[in-house]
Amino acid sequence: MNFPYFLAKRITFMGHRTFSKLIVRVTIGALALAISAVILSVAILNGFKREIIDKQRGFFGDIIVTKNDLSASYENTPIQLSPQDLKQLAAIPQVVDITPFATKAGIMNVDGQVEGVLLKGIDKSYNQQYLQKNIIQGDTLEFSSAGNTQILISEYLANRLHLDVGDKFIMYFIQDPIRRRPFTVKGIYTTHSEELDKTYVIGSLDLIKRLNDLQENEVGAYQIRITSFDLLEQTTQEIDKVLPIELDATNIVQQMPDIFNWLNMLDMNDNIIFVLMVVVAVINMVSSLLISILERASMIGVLKALGCPNDRIRRVFLYGSIYLIGIGLFIGNLIAISLYFFQTHTHFFKLDPYTYYVHYVPMDIAWYEFVGLNVAIAVIGLLALFVPAMLISRISPIKVIQFK
């Protein structure tokens, strides 16, 4: 028979507490608050990172192949990959697709109002699934001879220039001589990213090739998507080895360091929350154990007088503490899981999309992160309890029994 476990059950479930009742409730509440706050903070951080990274990946791809030069122009120096180069790139296991594109600066002129934009030209091989998810009016581009004048604009530009789906306007391209082309709004999208929505419109690659007098196989750059964002750096290096010496592969982390440095800084917030919540929980657990030991001092004295060793008495109180930790973690997990599924299904908690890039609080957490956080708090809490449990060895049975 496990006597410490038996006695711990009797004390926990059938014992009468006096002044320790309140501190036990506070301990359970602190543990529930700690685990729920940590789980939700990790889920929210993961959700933000996923949403922001998906926006950048969806619009720019994971890796861009350009001419290896020092040009700071919005228009890329034309490049050309041979069928053999494309075959070698496609053979890299992480590569999903390779699509050409080109960019050209232009000026939209609508009823005397002008906006400077960057036209990104794509062709039928471009995966428009991401654009489809972000279109709020109209549809994606159709690639045909008539489709060269179709264009996708952002909600920001549509509001600024009072444009709607089906409207026509003129775009001017500054070159020698200045060229003008008519366009028809095929769709209106929003990414909630001010930089993207203010700058980019999406059109036909064939049109840009004609404007820039490119040869049949020449393009501005190639956009490569890969299977996993975690393999970004490794895949970039593999692509660089395959490319001709005059071309360069740049991933989106290198292209947009400010955004990804900001995302990395958010990890520090999660670490701070975890440390603070663990400190609060540990202080409450230690306080609860100390009060329980002092409240049961006479029982400890009797057990010692009957020959029960210190380590067995210590285990009685540790078993009780494990029960409290279990209750606290159960309540905290229940709160966190309920809020997680409520938010992911309803998007009840809203945000300013032009400040946070999304219009609701996103959440995302993997099962191993969920389990790991629970295990970490439970282990840290139990290790912290061994220190106050050592107080039992200092209790003298003669003193506590005579003052009972």
Protein backbone atom coordinates (compact mmCIF):
# COMPACT_ATOMS: atom_id res chain seq x y z
CA MET A 1 0.00 0.00 0.00
CA ASN A 2 1.27 3.47 -0.91
CA PHE A 3 0.74 5.15 2.47
CA PRO A 4 1.79 8.71 1.40
CA TYR A 5 -0.64 8.58 -1.53
CA PHE A 6 -3.46 7.21 0.67
CA LEU A 7 -2.92 9.92 3.30
CA ALA A 8 -2.68 12.66 0.65
CA LYS A 9 -6.08 11.56 -0.75
CA ARG A 10 -7.66 11.62 2.71
CA ILE A 11 -6.28 15.09 3.43
CA THR A 12 -7.18 16.50 0.02
CA PHE A 13 -10.69 15.11 -0.37
CA MET A 14 -11.87 14.56 3.21
CA GLY A 15 -9.71 16.87 5.33
CA HIS A 16 -11.08 20.08 6.82
CA ARG A 17 -9.07 23.16 5.91
CA THR A 18 -9.21 26.43 7.79
CA PHE A 19 -7.18 29.43 6.67
CA SER A 20 -5.48 27.51 3.84
CA LYS A 21 -8.73 27.12 1.88
CA LEU A 22 -8.45 30.58 0.32
CA ILE A 23 -4.79 30.23 -0.61
CA VAL A 24 -5.51 26.88 -2.28
CA ARG A 25 -8.18 28.51 -4.44
CA VAL A 26 -5.81 31.35 -5.29
CA THR A 27 -3.15 28.80 -6.26
CA ILE A 28 -5.52 26.95 -8.58
CA GLY A 29 -6.62 30.27 -10.09
CA ALA A 30 -3.02 31.40 -10.60
CA LEU A 31 -2.14 28.13 -12.34
CA ALA A 32 -5.23 28.35 -14.56
CA LEU A 33 -4.38 31.96 -15.44
CA ALA A 34 -0.74 31.07 -16.16
CA ILE A 35 -1.37 28.16 -18.52
CA SER A 36 -4.28 29.86 -20.33
CA ALA A 37 -2.32 33.12 -20.79
CA VAL A 38 0.75 31.28 -22.09
CA ILE A 39 -1.22 29.05 -24.48
CA LEU A 40 -3.24 31.96 -25.87
CA SER A 41 -0.17 34.19 -26.27
CA VAL A 42 1.66 31.47 -28.22
CA ALA A 43 -1.45 30.80 -30.34
CA ILE A 44 -1.90 34.51 -31.13
CA LEU A 45 1.79 34.99 -31.97
CA ASN A 46 1.75 31.92 -34.23
CA GLY A 47 -1.44 33.18 -35.86
CA PHE A 48 0.05 36.61 -36.56
CA LYS A 49 3.23 35.11 -37.98
CA ARG A 50 1.29 32.69 -40.18
CA GLU A 51 -1.05 35.37 -41.56
CA ILE A 52 1.72 37.91 -42.27
CA ILE A 53 4.09 35.34 -43.76
CA ASP A 54 1.28 33.90 -45.92
CA LYS A 55 0.53 37.39 -47.26
CA GLN A 56 4.14 37.94 -48.29
CA ARG A 57 4.53 34.43 -49.69
CA GLY A 58 1.24 34.66 -51.57
CA PHE A 59 2.11 37.95 -53.24
CA PHE A 60 5.85 37.60 -53.85
CA GLY A 61 6.48 33.86 -53.64
CA ASP A 62 9.24 32.44 -51.46
CA ILE A 63 12.29 33.06 -53.63
CA ILE A 64 12.83 35.49 -56.49
CA VAL A 65 15.45 35.00 -59.21
CA THR A 66 16.76 38.27 -60.67
CA LYS A 67 19.77 39.67 -62.50
CA ASN A 68 22.79 39.98 -60.23
CA ASP A 69 23.34 43.74 -60.56
CA LEU A 70 23.19 46.88 -58.41
CA SER A 71 20.17 48.42 -60.13
CA ALA A 72 17.67 50.00 -57.71
CA SER A 73 15.03 50.45 -60.41
CA TYR A 74 11.47 49.22 -60.01
CA GLU A 75 11.91 47.50 -63.37
CA ASN A 76 14.09 44.40 -63.26
CA THR A 77 16.85 43.87 -65.78
CA PRO A 78 15.54 41.25 -68.26
CA ILE A 79 16.71 37.69 -67.68
CA GLN A 80 16.24 34.38 -69.40
CA LEU A 81 16.44 30.84 -68.02
CA SER A 82 17.12 28.05 -70.45
CA PRO A 83 14.92 24.91 -70.48
CA GLN A 84 17.85 23.07 -68.87
CA ASP A 85 18.07 25.63 -66.04
CA LEU A 86 14.33 25.40 -65.43
CA LYS A 87 14.52 21.60 -65.39
CA GLN A 88 17.32 21.66 -62.80
CA LEU A 89 15.37 24.09 -60.60
CA ALA A 90 12.20 22.00 -60.83
CA ALA A 91 14.23 18.92 -59.80
CA ILE A 92 15.00 20.46 -56.37
CA PRO A 93 12.66 18.55 -53.99
CA GLN A 94 11.38 21.62 -52.13
CA VAL A 95 10.41 23.56 -55.28
CA VAL A 96 6.65 23.57 -56.00
CA ASP A 97 6.45 25.88 -59.04
CA ILE A 98 8.45 28.46 -61.00
CA THR A 99 6.59 31.33 -62.64
CA PRO A 100 7.89 34.34 -64.60
CA PHE A 101 6.84 37.91 -63.96
CA ALA A 102 7.94 41.48 -64.65
CA THR A 103 7.27 44.86 -63.09
CA LYS A 104 6.85 48.30 -64.63
CA ALA A 105 6.20 51.66 -63.03
CA GLY A 106 3.14 53.50 -64.26
CA ILE A 107 0.76 56.36 -63.51
CA MET A 108 -2.98 55.73 -63.27
CA ASN A 109 -5.06 58.63 -64.60
CA VAL A 110 -8.75 58.63 -63.67
CA ASP A 111 -10.78 61.81 -64.26
CA GLY A 112 -7.78 64.01 -63.59
CA GLN A 113 -6.72 62.11 -60.44
CA VAL A 114 -3.39 60.34 -60.66
CA GLU A 115 -1.69 57.61 -58.64
CA GLY A 116 1.80 56.20 -59.12
CA VAL A 117 1.76 52.39 -59.07
CA LEU A 118 3.89 49.39 -59.91
CA LEU A 119 2.33 47.05 -62.44
CA LYS A 120 3.22 43.42 -61.78
CA GLY A 121 2.78 41.36 -64.91
CA ILE A 122 1.96 37.64 -64.60
CA ASP A 123 1.00 34.92 -67.06
CA LYS A 124 -1.31 31.90 -67.02
CA SER A 125 1.28 29.75 -65.17
CA TYR A 126 0.97 32.04 -62.14
CA ASN A 127 -1.03 30.50 -59.27
CA GLN A 128 -3.83 33.02 -58.62
CA GLN A 129 -5.20 31.10 -55.62
CA TYR A 130 -3.79 33.67 -53.17
CA LEU A 131 -5.22 36.54 -55.20
CA GLN A 132 -8.58 34.77 -55.34
CA LYS A 133 -8.69 34.58 -51.52
CA ASN A 134 -8.13 38.33 -51.24
CA ILE A 135 -10.45 39.54 -54.00
CA ILE A 136 -13.49 41.33 -52.56
CA GLN A 137 -15.10 42.27 -55.89
CA GLY A 138 -14.80 40.83 -59.38
CA ASP A 139 -12.57 37.91 -60.33
CA THR A 140 -8.99 36.94 -61.20
CA LEU A 141 -7.33 37.68 -64.55
CA GLU A 142 -8.16 35.82 -67.74
CA PHE A 143 -5.18 35.27 -70.01
CA SER A 144 -6.17 35.81 -73.63
CA SER A 145 -5.61 38.43 -76.30
CA ALA A 146 -8.45 40.46 -74.76
CA GLY A 147 -7.16 39.79 -71.26
CA ASN A 148 -4.02 41.88 -71.74
CA THR A 149 -5.98 44.99 -70.76
CA GLN A 150 -7.48 43.42 -67.62
CA ILE A 151 -6.08 44.55 -64.28
CA LEU A 152 -6.51 43.88 -60.56
CA ILE A 153 -6.31 46.88 -58.25
CA SER A 154 -6.40 47.21 -54.47
CA GLU A 155 -9.38 48.44 -52.48
CA TYR A 156 -7.22 51.38 -51.39
CA LEU A 157 -6.66 52.51 -55.01
CA ALA A 158 -10.28 51.81 -55.95
CA ASN A 159 -11.48 54.11 -53.18
CA ARG A 160 -8.92 56.80 -53.97
CA LEU A 161 -9.75 56.87 -57.68
CA HIS A 162 -13.46 55.96 -57.39
CA LEU A 163 -13.10 52.86 -59.52
CA ASP A 164 -15.32 49.79 -59.61
CA VAL A 165 -15.24 46.43 -61.39
CA GLY A 166 -15.71 46.98 -65.12
CA ASP A 167 -14.51 50.58 -65.09
CA LYS A 168 -11.92 51.70 -67.65
CA PHE A 169 -8.98 54.05 -67.21
CA ILE A 170 -5.67 55.04 -68.80
CA MET A 171 -2.24 54.20 -67.41
CA TYR A 172 0.85 56.09 -68.55
CA PHE A 173 4.29 54.48 -68.71
CA ILE A 174 7.24 56.86 -68.53
CA GLN A 175 9.66 55.90 -71.28
CA ASP A 176 10.83 57.30 -74.58
CA PRO A 177 8.35 57.86 -76.05
CA ILE A 178 5.74 57.96 -73.25
CA ARG A 179 3.23 55.18 -73.78
CA ARG A 180 -0.36 54.99 -72.64
CA ARG A 181 -2.54 51.92 -72.39
CA PRO A 182 -6.24 51.48 -71.57
CA PHE A 183 -7.14 49.06 -68.77
CA THR A 184 -10.35 47.52 -67.45
CA VAL A 185 -10.75 46.70 -63.75
CA LYS A 186 -11.29 42.93 -63.57
CA GLY A 187 -11.17 42.63 -59.79
CA ILE A 188 -10.52 44.51 -56.55
CA TYR A 189 -8.39 42.91 -53.83
CA THR A 190 -7.21 43.83 -50.35
CA THR A 191 -4.23 42.46 -48.45
CA HIS A 192 -4.57 44.86 -45.47
CA SER A 193 -0.87 45.57 -46.01
CA GLU A 194 -0.51 49.29 -46.69
CA GLU A 195 2.75 48.84 -48.60
CA LEU A 196 1.23 46.31 -51.01
CA ASP A 197 -2.17 47.95 -51.42
CA LYS A 198 -0.73 51.40 -52.15
CA THR A 199 1.89 50.20 -54.61
CA TYR A 200 0.90 47.15 -56.64
CA VAL A 201 -1.60 46.44 -59.39
CA ILE A 202 -1.69 43.11 -61.21
CA GLY A 203 -1.81 42.80 -64.98
CA SER A 204 -0.53 40.82 -67.95
CA LEU A 205 3.12 39.85 -68.42
CA ASP A 206 2.71 39.95 -72.21
CA LEU A 207 1.82 43.63 -72.05
CA ILE A 208 4.96 44.50 -70.09
CA LYS A 209 7.09 42.42 -72.47
CA ARG A 210 5.76 44.45 -75.39
CA LEU A 211 6.24 47.76 -73.56
CA ASN A 212 9.85 46.86 -72.67
CA ASP A 213 10.58 45.28 -76.08
CA LEU A 214 11.59 41.98 -74.45
CA GLN A 215 12.40 38.92 -76.51
CA GLU A 216 10.05 35.95 -76.45
CA ASN A 217 11.79 34.08 -73.60
CA GLU A 218 12.92 37.13 -71.62
CA VAL A 219 11.17 38.13 -68.38
CA GLY A 220 11.82 40.49 -65.50
CA ALA A 221 12.28 37.79 -62.83
CA TYR A 222 11.15 34.35 -61.72
CA GLN A 223 9.05 33.68 -58.63
CA ILE A 224 9.59 30.32 -56.92
CA ARG A 225 7.29 28.70 -54.34
CA ILE A 226 8.56 25.97 -52.02
CA THR A 227 6.91 23.29 -49.90
CA SER A 228 7.86 24.58 -46.44
CA PHE A 229 8.82 28.02 -45.19
CA ASP A 230 11.11 26.36 -42.62
CA LEU A 231 13.33 25.19 -45.51
CA LEU A 232 13.61 28.70 -47.01
CA GLU A 233 17.29 29.37 -46.30
CA GLN A 234 18.41 25.89 -47.30
CA THR A 235 16.40 25.95 -50.55
CA THR A 236 17.70 29.44 -51.43
CA GLN A 237 21.27 28.13 -51.23
CA GLU A 238 20.40 25.08 -53.37
CA ILE A 239 18.78 27.30 -56.03
CA ASP A 240 21.79 29.65 -56.04
CA LYS A 241 24.07 26.70 -56.85
CA VAL A 242 21.96 25.78 -59.90
CA LEU A 243 21.58 29.30 -61.32
CA PRO A 244 24.00 30.81 -63.86
CA ILE A 245 26.62 33.10 -62.34
CA GLU A 246 24.90 36.30 -63.53
CA LEU A 247 21.63 35.47 -61.71
CA ASP A 248 20.86 35.69 -58.01
CA ALA A 249 18.25 34.03 -55.76
CA THR A 250 16.81 36.18 -52.96
CA ASN A 251 14.22 34.95 -50.46
CA ILE A 252 11.47 37.11 -48.95
CA VAL A 253 13.23 37.31 -45.58
CA GLN A 254 16.16 39.01 -47.31
CA GLN A 255 13.86 41.22 -49.39
CA MET A 256 11.75 42.38 -46.43
CA PRO A 257 14.01 42.30 -43.38
CA ASP A 258 11.97 44.90 -41.47
CA ILE A 259 8.82 42.76 -41.40
CA PHE A 260 10.62 39.57 -40.41
CA ASN A 261 12.78 41.32 -37.79
CA TRP A 262 9.55 42.61 -36.27
CA LEU A 263 8.11 39.09 -36.24
CA ASN A 264 11.26 37.80 -34.53
CA MET A 265 10.96 40.51 -31.89
CA LEU A 266 7.45 39.26 -31.09
CA ASP A 267 9.00 36.00 -29.87
CA MET A 268 10.52 37.99 -27.01
CA ASN A 269 7.03 39.02 -25.87
CA ASP A 270 6.03 35.37 -25.63
CA ASN A 271 9.12 34.57 -23.56
CA ILE A 272 8.41 37.47 -21.19
CA ILE A 273 4.78 36.36 -20.72
CA PHE A 274 5.89 32.79 -20.08
CA VAL A 275 8.44 33.84 -17.43
CA LEU A 276 6.02 36.20 -15.66
CA MET A 277 3.19 33.65 -15.59
CA VAL A 278 5.50 30.90 -14.31
CA VAL A 279 6.84 33.18 -11.57
CA VAL A 280 3.29 34.03 -10.45
CA ALA A 281 2.27 30.37 -10.48
CA VAL A 282 5.39 29.20 -8.61
CA ILE A 283 5.02 31.85 -5.90
CA ASN A 284 1.42 30.82 -5.32
CA MET A 285 2.24 27.09 -5.30
CA VAL A 286 5.10 27.58 -2.83
CA SER A 287 2.91 29.72 -0.59
CA SER A 288 0.14 27.12 -0.68
CA LEU A 289 2.51 24.30 0.23
CA LEU A 290 4.09 26.26 3.08
CA ILE A 291 0.69 27.10 4.57
CA SER A 292 -0.45 23.47 4.18
CA ILE A 293 2.67 22.26 6.02
CA LEU A 294 2.19 24.77 8.84
CA GLU A 295 -1.50 23.92 9.11
CA ARG A 296 -0.68 20.21 9.36
CA ALA A 297 2.32 20.64 11.69
CA SER A 298 0.69 18.60 14.47
CA MET A 299 -0.07 15.75 12.06
CA ILE A 300 3.55 15.82 10.89
CA GLY A 301 4.69 15.62 14.53
CA VAL A 302 2.49 12.61 15.20
CA LEU A 303 3.70 10.83 12.07
CA LYS A 304 7.32 11.48 13.03
CA ALA A 305 6.66 10.21 16.57
CA LEU A 306 5.26 7.01 15.07
CA GLY A 307 8.47 6.54 13.07
CA CYS A 308 7.42 7.82 9.65
CA PRO A 309 10.53 9.10 7.81
CA ASN A 310 10.76 12.64 6.45
CA ASP A 311 10.77 11.63 2.78
CA ARG A 312 7.45 9.77 3.14
CA ILE A 313 5.82 12.73 4.91
CA ARG A 314 7.22 15.01 2.21
CA ARG A 315 5.61 12.87 -0.45
CA VAL A 316 2.21 13.30 1.23
CA PHE A 317 2.31 17.04 0.62
CA LEU A 318 3.83 16.71 -2.85
CA TYR A 319 1.01 14.38 -3.87
CA GLY A 320 -1.45 17.02 -2.68
CA SER A 321 0.40 19.69 -4.66
CA ILE A 322 0.30 17.53 -7.79
CA TYR A 323 -3.48 17.34 -7.39
CA LEU A 324 -3.71 21.16 -7.17
CA ILE A 325 -1.44 21.53 -10.22
CA GLY A 326 -3.63 19.09 -12.14
CA ILE A 327 -6.82 20.99 -11.26
CA GLY A 328 -5.23 24.34 -12.19
CA LEU A 329 -3.92 23.05 -15.51
CA PHE A 330 -7.26 21.43 -16.34
CA ILE A 331 -9.21 24.65 -15.74
CA GLY A 332 -6.61 26.76 -17.58
CA ASN A 333 -6.56 24.42 -20.58
CA LEU A 334 -10.35 24.38 -20.68
CA ILE A 335 -10.43 28.19 -20.77
CA ALA A 336 -7.68 28.42 -23.41
CA ILE A 337 -9.18 25.73 -25.67
CA SER A 338 -12.65 27.26 -25.43
CA LEU A 339 -11.37 30.73 -26.38
CA TYR A 340 -9.18 29.26 -29.13
CA PHE A 341 -12.02 27.44 -30.90
CA PHE A 342 -14.46 30.29 -30.30
CA GLN A 343 -12.10 32.81 -31.94
CA THR A 344 -10.99 30.58 -34.84
CA HIS A 345 -14.60 29.82 -35.77
CA THR A 346 -16.23 33.23 -35.15
CA HIS A 347 -13.40 35.82 -35.48
CA PHE A 348 -15.22 37.67 -32.68
CA PHE A 349 -12.23 39.73 -31.52
CA LYS A 350 -11.48 42.31 -34.24
CA LEU A 351 -8.39 44.36 -35.07
CA ASP A 352 -7.54 47.35 -37.22
CA PRO A 353 -6.31 45.62 -40.40
CA TYR A 354 -4.10 48.52 -41.51
CA THR A 355 -2.24 48.42 -38.19
CA TYR A 356 -2.05 44.66 -37.61
CA TYR A 357 -2.33 43.39 -41.24
CA VAL A 358 -5.41 41.29 -40.33
CA HIS A 359 -8.96 42.27 -39.38
CA TYR A 360 -9.31 39.76 -36.53
CA VAL A 361 -7.12 38.15 -33.87
CA PRO A 362 -5.62 35.07 -35.59
CA MET A 363 -4.76 31.97 -33.58
CA ASP A 364 -2.71 28.93 -34.44
CA ILE A 365 -1.00 26.39 -32.17
CA ALA A 366 0.36 22.91 -32.81
CA TRP A 367 -0.45 20.00 -30.52
CA TYR A 368 3.21 19.56 -29.51
CA GLU A 369 3.41 23.22 -28.47
CA PHE A 370 0.24 22.78 -26.42
CA VAL A 371 1.57 19.67 -24.68
CA GLY A 372 5.04 21.17 -24.22
CA LEU A 373 3.71 24.27 -22.44
CA ASN A 374 1.68 22.14 -20.03
CA VAL A 375 4.60 19.86 -19.29
CA ALA A 376 6.98 22.81 -18.81
CA ILE A 377 4.75 24.57 -16.27
CA ALA A 378 4.00 21.32 -14.41
CA VAL A 379 7.68 20.33 -14.19
CA ILE A 380 8.86 23.81 -13.14
CA GLY A 381 6.12 23.95 -10.50
CA LEU A 382 6.99 20.54 -9.05
CA LEU A 383 10.72 21.30 -8.95
CA ALA A 384 10.01 24.57 -7.14
CA LEU A 385 7.96 22.69 -4.50
CA PHE A 386 10.89 20.57 -3.37
CA VAL A 387 12.43 23.59 -1.59
CA PRO A 388 9.53 24.35 0.81
CA ALA A 389 8.95 20.61 1.28
CA MET A 390 12.38 20.44 2.92
CA LEU A 391 10.83 22.39 5.84
CA ILE A 392 9.26 19.14 7.02
CA SER A 393 12.63 17.79 8.14
CA ARG A 394 13.05 20.79 10.47
CA ILE A 395 9.76 20.24 12.33
CA SER A 396 10.35 18.81 15.80
CA PRO A 397 7.65 16.29 16.85
CA ILE A 398 8.09 17.15 20.57
CA LYS A 399 7.45 20.87 20.04
CA VAL A 400 4.45 20.58 17.73
CA ILE A 401 2.73 17.86 19.77
CA GLN A 402 3.09 19.62 23.12
CA PHE A 403 1.54 22.79 21.69
CA LYS A 404 -1.31 20.99 19.95
